[in-house]
Amino acid sequence: MEDEGTCAVTALDFQVIRSAFRKLVAQGLLPEDGRISLVERLVKDLTGTTTVADRGQ
């Protein structure tokens, strides 16, 4: 069982991953149908869970 809320991604980690993701999309290296699965894998690799908590903007 995954313990939600015990792992947080730092702002720096988030910005690095976000930047890399956006570059892949902009360069056409990440097809639209593969984006969701990549994001799900990244979240799981970084946090150990597939649950993403929305903490506001």
N, C-alpha and C. Protein backbone atom coordinates (compact mmCIF):
# COMPACT_ATOMS: atom_id res chain seq x y z
N MET A 1 0.85 -1.18 0.00
CA MET A 1 0.00 0.00 0.00
C MET A 1 0.88 1.24 0.00
N GLU A 2 0.53 2.21 -0.79
CA GLU A 2 1.30 3.44 -0.87
C GLU A 2 0.83 4.42 0.19
N ASP A 3 1.79 5.07 0.82
CA ASP A 3 1.46 6.05 1.85
C ASP A 3 1.43 7.42 1.21
N GLU A 4 0.23 7.90 0.91
CA GLU A 4 0.10 9.19 0.24
C GLU A 4 0.52 10.33 1.15
N GLY A 5 1.11 11.35 0.55
CA GLY A 5 1.45 12.54 1.29
C GLY A 5 2.80 12.50 1.98
N THR A 6 3.57 11.43 1.80
CA THR A 6 4.85 11.35 2.48
C THR A 6 6.01 11.79 1.59
N CYS A 7 5.78 11.94 0.33
CA CYS A 7 6.85 12.31 -0.59
C CYS A 7 6.44 13.57 -1.35
N ALA A 8 7.30 14.55 -1.31
CA ALA A 8 7.02 15.78 -2.04
C ALA A 8 8.12 16.01 -3.06
N VAL A 9 7.76 16.61 -4.15
CA VAL A 9 8.71 16.97 -5.18
C VAL A 9 9.08 18.44 -4.95
N THR A 10 10.36 18.72 -4.91
CA THR A 10 10.77 20.10 -4.68
C THR A 10 10.42 20.96 -5.89
N ALA A 11 10.36 22.24 -5.67
CA ALA A 11 10.07 23.17 -6.77
C ALA A 11 11.13 23.06 -7.86
N LEU A 12 12.38 22.88 -7.46
CA LEU A 12 13.45 22.74 -8.45
C LEU A 12 13.27 21.47 -9.27
N ASP A 13 12.99 20.35 -8.60
CA ASP A 13 12.75 19.09 -9.31
C ASP A 13 11.61 19.25 -10.31
N PHE A 14 10.53 19.88 -9.85
CA PHE A 14 9.37 20.09 -10.71
C PHE A 14 9.74 20.92 -11.94
N GLN A 15 10.48 21.99 -11.74
CA GLN A 15 10.85 22.87 -12.86
C GLN A 15 11.74 22.15 -13.86
N VAL A 16 12.67 21.33 -13.38
CA VAL A 16 13.56 20.59 -14.27
C VAL A 16 12.76 19.60 -15.12
N ILE A 17 11.89 18.84 -14.46
CA ILE A 17 11.07 17.86 -15.19
C ILE A 17 10.12 18.56 -16.15
N ARG A 18 9.50 19.63 -15.71
CA ARG A 18 8.56 20.38 -16.56
C ARG A 18 9.28 20.93 -17.79
N SER A 19 10.45 21.48 -17.59
CA SER A 19 11.22 22.03 -18.70
C SER A 19 11.60 20.94 -19.71
N ALA A 20 12.05 19.81 -19.22
CA ALA A 20 12.40 18.70 -20.12
C ALA A 20 11.18 18.21 -20.89
N PHE A 21 10.06 18.08 -20.21
CA PHE A 21 8.82 17.63 -20.85
C PHE A 21 8.42 18.61 -21.95
N ARG A 22 8.44 19.89 -21.63
CA ARG A 22 8.03 20.90 -22.62
C ARG A 22 8.95 20.91 -23.83
N LYS A 23 10.25 20.71 -23.61
CA LYS A 23 11.20 20.66 -24.73
C LYS A 23 10.93 19.46 -25.62
N LEU A 24 10.65 18.31 -25.02
CA LEU A 24 10.32 17.12 -25.81
C LEU A 24 9.09 17.37 -26.68
N VAL A 25 8.08 18.00 -26.10
CA VAL A 25 6.86 18.30 -26.85
C VAL A 25 7.16 19.30 -27.96
N ALA A 26 7.86 20.37 -27.64
CA ALA A 26 8.16 21.43 -28.62
C ALA A 26 8.99 20.91 -29.79
N GLN A 27 9.89 19.97 -29.51
CA GLN A 27 10.76 19.44 -30.56
C GLN A 27 10.10 18.30 -31.33
N GLY A 28 8.88 17.97 -30.96
CA GLY A 28 8.15 16.91 -31.65
C GLY A 28 8.66 15.51 -31.32
N LEU A 29 9.37 15.37 -30.22
CA LEU A 29 9.94 14.08 -29.85
C LEU A 29 9.03 13.25 -28.95
N LEU A 30 7.93 13.83 -28.54
CA LEU A 30 6.99 13.13 -27.67
C LEU A 30 5.60 13.22 -28.29
N PRO A 31 5.16 12.15 -28.92
CA PRO A 31 3.85 12.19 -29.56
C PRO A 31 2.74 12.39 -28.53
N GLU A 32 1.67 13.02 -28.96
CA GLU A 32 0.57 13.36 -28.07
C GLU A 32 0.02 12.14 -27.34
N ASP A 33 -0.07 11.02 -28.03
CA ASP A 33 -0.64 9.83 -27.39
C ASP A 33 0.29 9.18 -26.36
N GLY A 34 1.52 9.66 -26.24
CA GLY A 34 2.45 9.11 -25.25
C GLY A 34 2.69 10.02 -24.05
N ARG A 35 2.08 11.18 -24.07
CA ARG A 35 2.35 12.18 -23.02
C ARG A 35 1.81 11.78 -21.65
N ILE A 36 0.60 11.30 -21.61
CA ILE A 36 -0.01 10.93 -20.33
C ILE A 36 0.79 9.82 -19.66
N SER A 37 1.14 8.79 -20.42
CA SER A 37 1.87 7.68 -19.83
C SER A 37 3.25 8.11 -19.34
N LEU A 38 3.90 9.03 -20.06
CA LEU A 38 5.19 9.54 -19.60
C LEU A 38 5.04 10.31 -18.29
N VAL A 39 4.04 11.15 -18.21
CA VAL A 39 3.81 11.92 -16.98
C VAL A 39 3.51 10.98 -15.82
N GLU A 40 2.69 9.96 -16.05
CA GLU A 40 2.38 9.00 -14.99
C GLU A 40 3.64 8.29 -14.50
N ARG A 41 4.51 7.90 -15.44
CA ARG A 41 5.77 7.24 -15.06
C ARG A 41 6.67 8.19 -14.28
N LEU A 42 6.76 9.44 -14.72
CA LEU A 42 7.60 10.42 -14.02
C LEU A 42 7.11 10.64 -12.59
N VAL A 43 5.80 10.78 -12.43
CA VAL A 43 5.24 10.98 -11.10
C VAL A 43 5.56 9.77 -10.21
N LYS A 44 5.36 8.59 -10.74
CA LYS A 44 5.62 7.38 -9.95
C LYS A 44 7.11 7.27 -9.61
N ASP A 45 7.99 7.56 -10.57
CA ASP A 45 9.43 7.48 -10.31
C ASP A 45 9.88 8.50 -9.27
N LEU A 46 9.30 9.68 -9.31
CA LEU A 46 9.71 10.74 -8.38
C LEU A 46 9.11 10.58 -6.99
N THR A 47 7.89 10.08 -6.92
CA THR A 47 7.19 10.08 -5.64
C THR A 47 6.90 8.70 -5.07
N GLY A 48 6.95 7.68 -5.92
CA GLY A 48 6.60 6.35 -5.47
C GLY A 48 5.11 6.08 -5.50
N THR A 49 4.33 7.03 -5.97
CA THR A 49 2.88 6.87 -6.06
C THR A 49 2.38 7.46 -7.37
N THR A 50 1.22 7.02 -7.79
CA THR A 50 0.63 7.59 -9.00
C THR A 50 -0.40 8.66 -8.66
N THR A 51 -0.61 8.89 -7.37
CA THR A 51 -1.57 9.90 -6.93
C THR A 51 -0.90 11.26 -6.90
N VAL A 52 -1.55 12.24 -7.51
CA VAL A 52 -1.02 13.60 -7.51
C VAL A 52 -1.98 14.48 -6.73
N ALA A 53 -1.46 15.13 -5.71
CA ALA A 53 -2.28 16.03 -4.90
C ALA A 53 -2.22 17.43 -5.48
N ASP A 54 -3.37 18.02 -5.69
CA ASP A 54 -3.43 19.40 -6.17
C ASP A 54 -3.36 20.32 -4.96
N ARG A 55 -2.25 21.03 -4.86
CA ARG A 55 -2.04 21.91 -3.70
C ARG A 55 -2.30 23.36 -4.06
N GLY A 56 -3.02 23.61 -5.14
CA GLY A 56 -3.34 24.99 -5.52
C GLY A 56 -2.28 25.58 -6.41
N GLN A 57 -2.51 26.79 -6.79
CA GLN A 57 -1.61 27.47 -7.73
C GLN A 57 -0.65 28.36 -7.00
